[in-house]
Amino acid sequence: MKKSNINLLINRVDYQKYGNIFERLKLTVAILTVILSVIFGYFFITLKKLATSYEKMNLEKKTYLQLLVNRRGDEAKINYIENKYKDLKNNLKDDAHSVTYYELLTNAINDSSESARLKSLEVDKTRNTSFTITFTLFDKMMEFLKFAESETFLENFENITLKKLIIVGEKDKNENYELGFVGTFIPVKSNIYEQE
């Protein structure tokens, strides 16, 4: 092989020495490039995964926040129902169980006379009561007064007093008679309001 040009400035030993250094330098740069590429690739993939998971969590957060905004009305309704339930429990504690006493009184009135009608009834939580009974016939009212003195009627009350007697209407026409009582019912357990 023929060389076209000769380098007279550098001797052969120095040239080979510099050539070996450059070869090692090229090999070192190539190895560093590969190592740095692998490290860069690892960090790139790791950061990409972190960014993807961050975006996913951000999207979930936005979804949950939107659900909370949408459910704000439901939360208000649930709070309203909860407050009403608490009010109902408090009312049941203070309730006089007037239905039970109404049934007790109407059964006693029906036992005494078919013409007797319960006009009004008030019962408080201490079982104090006032009620009015109406009659269309004087004789039926007198029968009821006899019945009101019997043990059958009195056993429903701790105490009872006739408060008023009212005659409504004209003597020639239809007269109505009203008896007003006040007293205290005996304690009666009510199945309607029993709590757990």
N, C-alpha and C. Protein backbone atom coordinates (compact mmCIF):
# COMPACT_ATOMS: atom_id res chain seq x y z
N MET A 1 0.80 -1.15 0.00
CA MET A 1 0.00 0.00 0.00
C MET A 1 0.86 1.25 0.00
N LYS A 2 0.42 2.12 -0.73
CA LYS A 2 1.20 3.32 -0.93
C LYS A 2 0.57 4.45 -0.14
N LYS A 3 1.36 5.16 0.58
CA LYS A 3 0.84 6.29 1.33
C LYS A 3 0.97 7.52 0.46
N SER A 4 -0.04 8.27 0.46
CA SER A 4 -0.01 9.45 -0.38
C SER A 4 0.67 10.63 0.28
N ASN A 5 0.60 10.68 1.60
CA ASN A 5 1.29 11.76 2.26
C ASN A 5 1.99 11.26 3.52
N ILE A 6 3.04 11.92 3.84
CA ILE A 6 3.88 11.51 4.95
C ILE A 6 3.89 12.67 5.92
N ASN A 7 3.71 12.28 7.16
CA ASN A 7 3.73 13.27 8.21
C ASN A 7 5.14 13.29 8.79
N LEU A 8 5.84 14.35 8.50
CA LEU A 8 7.20 14.44 8.96
C LEU A 8 7.30 15.15 10.30
N LEU A 9 6.22 15.79 10.76
CA LEU A 9 6.24 16.55 12.00
C LEU A 9 6.08 15.66 13.23
N ILE A 10 5.35 14.59 13.10
CA ILE A 10 5.09 13.73 14.24
C ILE A 10 5.77 12.40 13.96
N ASN A 11 6.45 11.93 14.93
CA ASN A 11 7.06 10.63 14.72
C ASN A 11 6.05 9.55 15.03
N ARG A 12 6.39 8.42 14.60
CA ARG A 12 5.46 7.30 14.62
C ARG A 12 5.10 6.88 16.03
N VAL A 13 5.96 6.88 16.96
CA VAL A 13 5.70 6.44 18.33
C VAL A 13 4.72 7.40 18.98
N ASP A 14 4.94 8.71 18.76
CA ASP A 14 4.02 9.67 19.35
C ASP A 14 2.64 9.55 18.72
N TYR A 15 2.61 9.29 17.46
CA TYR A 15 1.34 9.17 16.75
C TYR A 15 0.55 8.00 17.28
N GLN A 16 1.20 6.88 17.49
CA GLN A 16 0.52 5.70 18.01
C GLN A 16 0.05 5.96 19.45
N LYS A 17 0.84 6.66 20.20
CA LYS A 17 0.50 6.98 21.58
C LYS A 17 -0.77 7.85 21.62
N TYR A 18 -0.79 8.88 20.75
CA TYR A 18 -1.98 9.75 20.71
C TYR A 18 -3.18 9.00 20.14
N GLY A 19 -2.91 8.14 19.18
CA GLY A 19 -4.00 7.34 18.60
C GLY A 19 -4.63 6.44 19.65
N ASN A 20 -3.81 5.80 20.52
CA ASN A 20 -4.34 4.93 21.59
C ASN A 20 -5.15 5.75 22.60
N ILE A 21 -4.65 6.94 22.90
CA ILE A 21 -5.38 7.80 23.85
C ILE A 21 -6.74 8.18 23.27
N PHE A 22 -6.76 8.53 22.00
CA PHE A 22 -8.05 8.89 21.38
C PHE A 22 -8.99 7.70 21.27
N GLU A 23 -8.43 6.52 21.03
CA GLU A 23 -9.26 5.31 20.97
C GLU A 23 -9.88 5.05 22.34
N ARG A 24 -9.09 5.18 23.40
CA ARG A 24 -9.60 4.97 24.76
C ARG A 24 -10.63 6.06 25.10
N LEU A 25 -10.32 7.28 24.66
CA LEU A 25 -11.24 8.38 24.91
C LEU A 25 -12.57 8.13 24.19
N LYS A 26 -12.51 7.66 22.94
CA LYS A 26 -13.74 7.34 22.21
C LYS A 26 -14.50 6.21 22.90
N LEU A 27 -13.80 5.18 23.38
CA LEU A 27 -14.45 4.07 24.07
C LEU A 27 -15.09 4.53 25.38
N THR A 28 -14.36 5.40 26.11
CA THR A 28 -14.90 5.92 27.37
C THR A 28 -16.13 6.77 27.12
N VAL A 29 -16.07 7.62 26.10
CA VAL A 29 -17.23 8.46 25.77
C VAL A 29 -18.39 7.58 25.34
N ALA A 30 -18.14 6.54 24.57
CA ALA A 30 -19.21 5.64 24.13
C ALA A 30 -19.84 4.93 25.33
N ILE A 31 -18.98 4.44 26.27
CA ILE A 31 -19.50 3.76 27.46
C ILE A 31 -20.29 4.75 28.33
N LEU A 32 -19.76 5.97 28.52
CA LEU A 32 -20.47 6.98 29.30
C LEU A 32 -21.79 7.36 28.63
N THR A 33 -21.79 7.44 27.31
CA THR A 33 -23.01 7.75 26.58
C THR A 33 -24.06 6.66 26.82
N VAL A 34 -23.65 5.41 26.75
CA VAL A 34 -24.58 4.30 26.99
C VAL A 34 -25.09 4.35 28.44
N ILE A 35 -24.18 4.54 29.40
CA ILE A 35 -24.59 4.59 30.82
C ILE A 35 -25.53 5.76 31.05
N LEU A 36 -25.19 6.93 30.55
CA LEU A 36 -26.05 8.10 30.73
C LEU A 36 -27.38 7.92 30.02
N SER A 37 -27.38 7.27 28.86
CA SER A 37 -28.64 7.00 28.15
C SER A 37 -29.53 6.08 28.98
N VAL A 38 -28.92 5.05 29.58
CA VAL A 38 -29.70 4.13 30.43
C VAL A 38 -30.25 4.89 31.64
N ILE A 39 -29.42 5.71 32.30
CA ILE A 39 -29.87 6.48 33.46
C ILE A 39 -30.97 7.47 33.05
N PHE A 40 -30.75 8.15 31.95
CA PHE A 40 -31.75 9.10 31.45
C PHE A 40 -33.07 8.38 31.13
N GLY A 41 -32.95 7.23 30.46
CA GLY A 41 -34.14 6.45 30.14
C GLY A 41 -34.89 6.01 31.39
N TYR A 42 -34.14 5.56 32.42
CA TYR A 42 -34.76 5.13 33.68
C TYR A 42 -35.50 6.30 34.34
N PHE A 43 -34.82 7.45 34.44
CA PHE A 43 -35.47 8.62 35.04
C PHE A 43 -36.65 9.11 34.21
N PHE A 44 -36.54 9.04 32.90
CA PHE A 44 -37.64 9.46 32.03
C PHE A 44 -38.87 8.58 32.24
N ILE A 45 -38.64 7.27 32.26
CA ILE A 45 -39.77 6.32 32.47
C ILE A 45 -40.36 6.51 33.86
N THR A 46 -39.51 6.68 34.89
CA THR A 46 -40.01 6.87 36.26
C THR A 46 -40.82 8.16 36.37
N LEU A 47 -40.27 9.24 35.81
CA LEU A 47 -40.99 10.51 35.86
C LEU A 47 -42.29 10.45 35.06
N LYS A 48 -42.27 9.73 33.95
CA LYS A 48 -43.49 9.57 33.14
C LYS A 48 -44.56 8.82 33.93
N LYS A 49 -44.16 7.76 34.65
CA LYS A 49 -45.11 7.01 35.49
C LYS A 49 -45.66 7.90 36.61
N LEU A 50 -44.76 8.67 37.24
CA LEU A 50 -45.22 9.57 38.32
C LEU A 50 -46.17 10.63 37.78
N ALA A 51 -45.86 11.17 36.61
CA ALA A 51 -46.74 12.18 36.02
C ALA A 51 -48.09 11.57 35.67
N THR A 52 -48.09 10.32 35.16
CA THR A 52 -49.35 9.64 34.82
C THR A 52 -50.18 9.39 36.08
N SER A 53 -49.52 8.90 37.15
CA SER A 53 -50.27 8.64 38.39
C SER A 53 -50.76 9.95 39.00
N TYR A 54 -49.96 11.01 38.90
CA TYR A 54 -50.39 12.32 39.40
C TYR A 54 -51.60 12.82 38.63
N GLU A 55 -51.58 12.68 37.31
CA GLU A 55 -52.74 13.09 36.51
C GLU A 55 -53.97 12.26 36.86
N LYS A 56 -53.76 10.97 37.08
CA LYS A 56 -54.87 10.09 37.44
C LYS A 56 -55.47 10.52 38.79
N MET A 57 -54.60 10.78 39.78
CA MET A 57 -55.09 11.23 41.10
C MET A 57 -55.78 12.58 41.00
N ASN A 58 -55.24 13.46 40.17
CA ASN A 58 -55.85 14.76 39.96
C ASN A 58 -57.24 14.62 39.35
N LEU A 59 -57.36 13.73 38.38
CA LEU A 59 -58.66 13.47 37.75
C LEU A 59 -59.64 12.88 38.75
N GLU A 60 -59.18 11.93 39.59
CA GLU A 60 -60.05 11.36 40.62
C GLU A 60 -60.49 12.44 41.61
N LYS A 61 -59.55 13.31 41.97
CA LYS A 61 -59.87 14.39 42.90
C LYS A 61 -60.95 15.29 42.32
N LYS A 62 -60.79 15.65 41.04
CA LYS A 62 -61.80 16.49 40.39
C LYS A 62 -63.15 15.78 40.34
N THR A 63 -63.12 14.47 40.06
CA THR A 63 -64.37 13.69 40.01
C THR A 63 -65.05 13.68 41.38
N TYR A 64 -64.26 13.44 42.43
CA TYR A 64 -64.85 13.40 43.78
C TYR A 64 -65.36 14.77 44.20
N LEU A 65 -64.62 15.81 43.85
CA LEU A 65 -65.10 17.16 44.17
C LEU A 65 -66.40 17.46 43.45
N GLN A 66 -66.50 17.03 42.19
CA GLN A 66 -67.73 17.24 41.43
C GLN A 66 -68.88 16.46 42.06
N LEU A 67 -68.58 15.22 42.50
CA LEU A 67 -69.62 14.42 43.17
C LEU A 67 -70.07 15.10 44.46
N LEU A 68 -69.10 15.67 45.21
CA LEU A 68 -69.47 16.37 46.43
C LEU A 68 -70.35 17.58 46.14
N VAL A 69 -70.00 18.30 45.09
CA VAL A 69 -70.81 19.47 44.71
C VAL A 69 -72.21 19.01 44.32
N ASN A 70 -72.28 17.91 43.56
CA ASN A 70 -73.58 17.40 43.12
C ASN A 70 -74.39 16.86 44.29
N ARG A 71 -73.71 16.33 45.30
CA ARG A 71 -74.39 15.71 46.44
C ARG A 71 -74.68 16.69 47.57
N ARG A 72 -74.31 17.93 47.40
CA ARG A 72 -74.53 18.92 48.46
C ARG A 72 -76.02 19.01 48.82
N GLY A 73 -76.88 18.95 47.82
CA GLY A 73 -78.33 18.97 48.07
C GLY A 73 -78.78 17.73 48.82
N ASP A 74 -78.18 16.56 48.47
CA ASP A 74 -78.53 15.33 49.18
C ASP A 74 -78.10 15.40 50.63
N GLU A 75 -76.93 16.00 50.88
CA GLU A 75 -76.45 16.14 52.25
C GLU A 75 -77.40 17.02 53.06
N ALA A 76 -77.89 18.08 52.44
CA ALA A 76 -78.84 18.95 53.13
C ALA A 76 -80.13 18.18 53.44
N LYS A 77 -80.58 17.36 52.49
CA LYS A 77 -81.80 16.56 52.72
C LYS A 77 -81.58 15.56 53.85
N ILE A 78 -80.41 14.92 53.87
CA ILE A 78 -80.12 13.95 54.92
C ILE A 78 -80.07 14.65 56.28
N ASN A 79 -79.45 15.82 56.34
CA ASN A 79 -79.42 16.58 57.60
C ASN A 79 -80.83 16.97 58.03
N TYR A 80 -81.67 17.35 57.06
CA TYR A 80 -83.06 17.72 57.36
C TYR A 80 -83.80 16.51 57.94
N ILE A 81 -83.64 15.35 57.31
CA ILE A 81 -84.32 14.14 57.78
C ILE A 81 -83.80 13.76 59.16
N GLU A 82 -82.49 13.88 59.38
CA GLU A 82 -81.92 13.56 60.68
C GLU A 82 -82.47 14.48 61.76
N ASN A 83 -82.58 15.77 61.45
CA ASN A 83 -83.15 16.72 62.43
C ASN A 83 -84.61 16.41 62.71
N LYS A 84 -85.37 16.06 61.67
CA LYS A 84 -86.78 15.71 61.87
C LYS A 84 -86.91 14.45 62.72
N TYR A 85 -86.01 13.48 62.50
CA TYR A 85 -86.04 12.26 63.29
C TYR A 85 -85.75 12.56 64.77
N LYS A 86 -84.78 13.45 65.02
CA LYS A 86 -84.48 13.85 66.41
C LYS A 86 -85.68 14.55 67.03
N ASP A 87 -86.34 15.43 66.25
CA ASP A 87 -87.53 16.11 66.75
C ASP A 87 -88.63 15.11 67.08
N LEU A 88 -88.80 14.11 66.20
CA LEU A 88 -89.82 13.09 66.44
C LEU A 88 -89.53 12.32 67.72
N LYS A 89 -88.27 11.93 67.93
CA LYS A 89 -87.91 11.22 69.16
C LYS A 89 -88.18 12.08 70.39
N ASN A 90 -87.84 13.37 70.31
CA ASN A 90 -88.11 14.27 71.44
C ASN A 90 -89.60 14.42 71.68
N ASN A 91 -90.38 14.52 70.61
CA ASN A 91 -91.84 14.64 70.76
C ASN A 91 -92.43 13.37 71.34
N LEU A 92 -91.90 12.22 70.94
CA LEU A 92 -92.42 10.97 71.49
C LEU A 92 -92.12 10.85 72.98
N LYS A 93 -90.97 11.42 73.42
CA LYS A 93 -90.66 11.41 74.85
C LYS A 93 -91.67 12.26 75.62
N ASP A 94 -92.08 13.38 75.01
CA ASP A 94 -93.01 14.30 75.68
C ASP A 94 -94.47 14.02 75.34
N ASP A 95 -94.73 13.04 74.50
CA ASP A 95 -96.09 12.78 74.03
C ASP A 95 -96.95 12.23 75.16
N ALA A 96 -98.19 12.64 75.19
CA ALA A 96 -99.12 12.22 76.23
C ALA A 96 -99.81 10.91 75.88
N HIS A 97 -99.53 10.34 74.72
CA HIS A 97 -100.18 9.12 74.24
C HIS A 97 -101.70 9.30 74.24
N SER A 98 -102.10 10.41 73.68
CA SER A 98 -103.51 10.79 73.72
C SER A 98 -104.39 9.79 72.98
N VAL A 99 -103.86 9.09 71.98
CA VAL A 99 -104.69 8.10 71.26
C VAL A 99 -105.13 7.00 72.21
N THR A 100 -104.22 6.56 73.06
CA THR A 100 -104.57 5.50 74.01
C THR A 100 -105.65 5.97 74.98
N TYR A 101 -105.50 7.19 75.47
CA TYR A 101 -106.50 7.71 76.41
C TYR A 101 -107.82 8.03 75.70
N TYR A 102 -107.75 8.43 74.45
CA TYR A 102 -108.97 8.65 73.67
C TYR A 102 -109.74 7.34 73.52
N GLU A 103 -109.03 6.26 73.18
CA GLU A 103 -109.69 4.96 73.05
C GLU A 103 -110.28 4.51 74.39
N LEU A 104 -109.54 4.71 75.45
CA LEU A 104 -110.01 4.33 76.78
C LEU A 104 -111.30 5.07 77.12
N LEU A 105 -111.33 6.38 76.87
CA LEU A 105 -112.50 7.19 77.19
C LEU A 105 -113.68 6.87 76.27
N THR A 106 -113.44 6.73 74.97
CA THR A 106 -114.56 6.43 74.05
C THR A 106 -115.15 5.06 74.34
N ASN A 107 -114.31 4.08 74.70
CA ASN A 107 -114.86 2.76 75.07
C ASN A 107 -115.73 2.88 76.31
N ALA A 108 -115.30 3.66 77.29
CA ALA A 108 -116.10 3.84 78.51
C ALA A 108 -117.40 4.57 78.20
N ILE A 109 -117.35 5.56 77.34
CA ILE A 109 -118.56 6.32 76.98
C ILE A 109 -119.53 5.42 76.20
N ASN A 110 -119.00 4.64 75.27
CA ASN A 110 -119.86 3.75 74.49
C ASN A 110 -120.51 2.68 75.35
N ASP A 111 -119.81 2.26 76.41
CA ASP A 111 -120.39 1.28 77.33
C ASP A 111 -121.55 1.87 78.11
N SER A 112 -121.52 3.18 78.33
CA SER A 112 -122.54 3.80 79.16
C SER A 112 -123.82 4.14 78.38
N SER A 113 -123.67 4.70 77.18
CA SER A 113 -124.84 5.16 76.45
C SER A 113 -124.50 5.27 74.97
N GLU A 114 -125.47 4.91 74.14
CA GLU A 114 -125.24 5.01 72.70
C GLU A 114 -125.40 6.44 72.22
N SER A 115 -126.11 7.27 72.95
CA SER A 115 -126.33 8.64 72.50
C SER A 115 -125.24 9.60 72.96
N ALA A 116 -124.34 9.14 73.84
CA ALA A 116 -123.26 10.00 74.31
C ALA A 116 -122.18 10.11 73.23
N ARG A 117 -121.72 11.36 73.01
CA ARG A 117 -120.67 11.62 72.02
C ARG A 117 -119.58 12.45 72.67
N LEU A 118 -118.34 12.09 72.40
CA LEU A 118 -117.21 12.85 72.91
C LEU A 118 -117.01 14.06 72.01
N LYS A 119 -117.18 15.26 72.58
CA LYS A 119 -117.07 16.49 71.80
C LYS A 119 -115.63 16.98 71.75
N SER A 120 -114.94 16.95 72.87
CA SER A 120 -113.55 17.42 72.90
C SER A 120 -112.77 16.65 73.95
N LEU A 121 -111.47 16.58 73.72
CA LEU A 121 -110.60 15.88 74.66
C LEU A 121 -109.23 16.56 74.62
N GLU A 122 -108.71 16.87 75.79
CA GLU A 122 -107.35 17.41 75.93
C GLU A 122 -106.63 16.58 76.97
N VAL A 123 -105.41 16.14 76.61
CA VAL A 123 -104.58 15.36 77.53
C VAL A 123 -103.16 15.92 77.42
N ASP A 124 -102.54 16.19 78.58
CA ASP A 124 -101.14 16.62 78.52
C ASP A 124 -100.25 15.45 78.94
N LYS A 125 -98.94 15.67 78.93
CA LYS A 125 -98.02 14.56 79.19
C LYS A 125 -98.04 14.08 80.63
N THR A 126 -98.65 14.85 81.54
CA THR A 126 -98.80 14.38 82.92
C THR A 126 -100.14 13.67 83.11
N ARG A 127 -100.86 13.41 82.02
CA ARG A 127 -102.13 12.69 81.97
C ARG A 127 -103.29 13.51 82.50
N ASN A 128 -103.08 14.81 82.77
CA ASN A 128 -104.20 15.68 83.15
C ASN A 128 -105.09 15.84 81.93
N THR A 129 -106.38 15.80 82.16
CA THR A 129 -107.31 15.82 81.04
C THR A 129 -108.50 16.71 81.32
N SER A 130 -109.08 17.18 80.23
CA SER A 130 -110.41 17.81 80.30
C SER A 130 -111.13 17.37 79.05
N PHE A 131 -112.38 16.97 79.22
CA PHE A 131 -113.15 16.51 78.06
C PHE A 131 -114.61 16.89 78.23
N THR A 132 -115.29 16.97 77.09
CA THR A 132 -116.71 17.33 77.06
C THR A 132 -117.47 16.23 76.34
N ILE A 133 -118.61 15.84 76.95
CA ILE A 133 -119.47 14.80 76.36
C ILE A 133 -120.82 15.43 76.09
N THR A 134 -121.39 15.17 74.92
CA THR A 134 -122.68 15.75 74.55
C THR A 134 -123.76 14.66 74.49
N PHE A 135 -124.98 15.10 74.76
CA PHE A 135 -126.15 14.20 74.72
C PHE A 135 -127.29 14.94 74.04
N THR A 136 -128.15 14.16 73.38
CA THR A 136 -129.34 14.76 72.77
C THR A 136 -130.57 14.57 73.66
N LEU A 137 -130.51 13.62 74.57
CA LEU A 137 -131.65 13.33 75.46
C LEU A 137 -131.25 13.51 76.92
N PHE A 138 -132.13 14.13 77.67
CA PHE A 138 -131.88 14.38 79.08
C PHE A 138 -131.74 13.07 79.85
N ASP A 139 -132.61 12.10 79.54
CA ASP A 139 -132.59 10.81 80.24
C ASP A 139 -131.23 10.10 80.04
N LYS A 140 -130.69 10.18 78.82
CA LYS A 140 -129.40 9.53 78.52
C LYS A 140 -128.27 10.22 79.30
N MET A 141 -128.38 11.52 79.45
CA MET A 141 -127.38 12.24 80.23
C MET A 141 -127.43 11.79 81.69
N MET A 142 -128.63 11.62 82.23
CA MET A 142 -128.77 11.18 83.61
C MET A 142 -128.23 9.76 83.78
N GLU A 143 -128.47 8.91 82.78
CA GLU A 143 -127.92 7.54 82.83
C GLU A 143 -126.39 7.60 82.86
N PHE A 144 -125.82 8.50 82.03
CA PHE A 144 -124.37 8.61 82.00
C PHE A 144 -123.83 9.11 83.34
N LEU A 145 -124.52 10.05 83.97
CA LEU A 145 -124.05 10.55 85.27
C LEU A 145 -124.03 9.43 86.31
N LYS A 146 -125.01 8.54 86.24
CA LYS A 146 -124.99 7.38 87.15
C LYS A 146 -123.82 6.47 86.81
N PHE A 147 -123.58 6.30 85.49
CA PHE A 147 -122.46 5.46 85.05
C PHE A 147 -121.12 6.10 85.45
N ALA A 148 -121.05 7.43 85.43
CA ALA A 148 -119.80 8.12 85.76
C ALA A 148 -119.43 7.93 87.23
N GLU A 149 -120.40 7.57 88.07
CA GLU A 149 -120.12 7.33 89.48
C GLU A 149 -119.78 5.87 89.74
N SER A 150 -119.86 5.03 88.71
CA SER A 150 -119.60 3.60 88.91
C SER A 150 -118.09 3.32 88.86
N GLU A 151 -117.73 2.15 89.43
CA GLU A 151 -116.32 1.72 89.44
C GLU A 151 -115.81 1.48 88.02
N THR A 152 -116.67 1.04 87.12
CA THR A 152 -116.26 0.76 85.75
C THR A 152 -115.71 2.01 85.08
N PHE A 153 -116.34 3.15 85.32
CA PHE A 153 -115.86 4.41 84.72
C PHE A 153 -114.71 5.01 85.53
N LEU A 154 -114.84 5.00 86.86
CA LEU A 154 -113.85 5.65 87.72
C LEU A 154 -112.50 4.94 87.73
N GLU A 155 -112.46 3.64 87.37
CA GLU A 155 -111.18 2.93 87.39
C GLU A 155 -110.21 3.43 86.31
N ASN A 156 -110.71 4.24 85.36
CA ASN A 156 -109.85 4.80 84.30
C ASN A 156 -109.15 6.09 84.74
N PHE A 157 -109.50 6.60 85.93
CA PHE A 157 -108.98 7.91 86.35
C PHE A 157 -108.40 7.82 87.75
N GLU A 158 -107.35 8.62 87.98
CA GLU A 158 -106.85 8.79 89.33
C GLU A 158 -107.79 9.69 90.11
N ASN A 159 -108.28 10.74 89.42
CA ASN A 159 -109.31 11.61 89.98
C ASN A 159 -110.07 12.23 88.82
N ILE A 160 -111.34 12.52 89.07
CA ILE A 160 -112.18 13.14 88.03
C ILE A 160 -113.26 13.97 88.72
N THR A 161 -113.57 15.12 88.08
CA THR A 161 -114.56 16.03 88.64
C THR A 161 -115.43 16.55 87.51
N LEU A 162 -116.75 16.66 87.80
CA LEU A 162 -117.66 17.29 86.85
C LEU A 162 -117.47 18.79 86.98
N LYS A 163 -117.04 19.41 85.88
CA LYS A 163 -116.71 20.83 85.92
C LYS A 163 -117.89 21.69 85.50
N LYS A 164 -118.64 21.23 84.48
CA LYS A 164 -119.75 22.07 84.00
C LYS A 164 -120.86 21.21 83.39
N LEU A 165 -122.06 21.77 83.42
CA LEU A 165 -123.24 21.21 82.77
C LEU A 165 -123.85 22.34 81.96
N ILE A 166 -123.93 22.15 80.64
CA ILE A 166 -124.45 23.19 79.76
C ILE A 166 -125.64 22.62 79.00
N ILE A 167 -126.71 23.42 78.94
CA ILE A 167 -127.89 23.05 78.14
C ILE A 167 -127.92 24.02 76.96
N VAL A 168 -127.87 23.47 75.76
CA VAL A 168 -127.83 24.28 74.54
C VAL A 168 -129.14 24.05 73.79
N GLY A 169 -129.79 25.12 73.33
CA GLY A 169 -131.03 25.00 72.55
C GLY A 169 -132.22 25.47 73.35
N GLU A 170 -133.40 25.36 72.72
CA GLU A 170 -134.65 25.77 73.36
C GLU A 170 -135.37 24.56 73.90
N LYS A 171 -136.21 24.78 74.93
CA LYS A 171 -136.88 23.67 75.58
C LYS A 171 -137.87 22.98 74.66
N ASP A 172 -138.61 23.74 73.83
CA ASP A 172 -139.59 23.15 72.94
C ASP A 172 -138.92 22.42 71.76
N LYS A 173 -137.79 22.91 71.35
CA LYS A 173 -137.09 22.29 70.22
C LYS A 173 -136.01 21.36 70.76
N ASN A 174 -135.14 20.93 69.88
CA ASN A 174 -134.07 20.01 70.28
C ASN A 174 -133.10 20.69 71.23
N GLU A 175 -132.89 20.03 72.35
CA GLU A 175 -131.91 20.52 73.30
C GLU A 175 -130.71 19.58 73.26
N ASN A 176 -129.55 20.15 73.45
CA ASN A 176 -128.33 19.36 73.59
C ASN A 176 -127.76 19.64 74.98
N TYR A 177 -127.22 18.61 75.56
CA TYR A 177 -126.66 18.71 76.90
C TYR A 177 -125.17 18.39 76.82
N GLU A 178 -124.39 19.19 77.53
CA GLU A 178 -122.94 18.97 77.55
C GLU A 178 -122.48 18.85 78.99
N LEU A 179 -121.66 17.82 79.22
CA LEU A 179 -121.02 17.62 80.52
C LEU A 179 -119.52 17.82 80.33
N GLY A 180 -118.94 18.70 81.14
CA GLY A 180 -117.49 18.94 81.08
C GLY A 180 -116.82 18.35 82.30
N PHE A 181 -115.79 17.54 82.07
CA PHE A 181 -115.06 16.89 83.16
C PHE A 181 -113.60 17.33 83.13
N VAL A 182 -112.97 17.33 84.30
CA VAL A 182 -111.52 17.50 84.43
C VAL A 182 -111.03 16.41 85.37
N GLY A 183 -109.79 15.98 85.13
CA GLY A 183 -109.25 14.93 85.98
C GLY A 183 -107.88 14.49 85.49
N THR A 184 -107.49 13.31 86.00
CA THR A 184 -106.20 12.73 85.63
C THR A 184 -106.41 11.26 85.32
N PHE A 185 -105.96 10.85 84.12
CA PHE A 185 -106.05 9.45 83.73
C PHE A 185 -105.06 8.61 84.54
N ILE A 186 -105.39 7.33 84.67
CA ILE A 186 -104.42 6.41 85.26
C ILE A 186 -103.31 6.17 84.24
N PRO A 187 -102.08 5.83 84.67
CA PRO A 187 -101.01 5.54 83.69
C PRO A 187 -101.36 4.29 82.89
N VAL A 188 -101.26 4.41 81.59
CA VAL A 188 -101.55 3.29 80.70
C VAL A 188 -100.38 3.17 79.74
N LYS A 189 -99.88 1.93 79.55
CA LYS A 189 -98.81 1.73 78.57
C LYS A 189 -99.43 1.71 77.19
N SER A 190 -98.74 2.39 76.29
CA SER A 190 -99.23 2.48 74.91
C SER A 190 -98.36 1.63 74.01
N ASN A 191 -98.95 0.72 73.24
CA ASN A 191 -98.20 -0.09 72.27
C ASN A 191 -97.82 0.71 71.05
N ILE A 192 -98.52 1.82 70.80
CA ILE A 192 -98.28 2.60 69.60
C ILE A 192 -96.91 3.26 69.63
N TYR A 193 -96.52 3.77 70.81
CA TYR A 193 -95.32 4.59 70.90
C TYR A 193 -94.14 3.87 71.57
N GLU A 194 -94.24 2.59 71.80
CA GLU A 194 -93.15 1.91 72.50
C GLU A 194 -91.88 2.03 71.70
N GLN A 195 -90.80 2.33 72.38
CA GLN A 195 -89.49 2.49 71.74
C GLN A 195 -88.66 1.25 72.02
N GLU A 196 -87.64 1.08 71.21
CA GLU A 196 -86.77 -0.07 71.36
C GLU A 196 -85.92 0.07 72.61
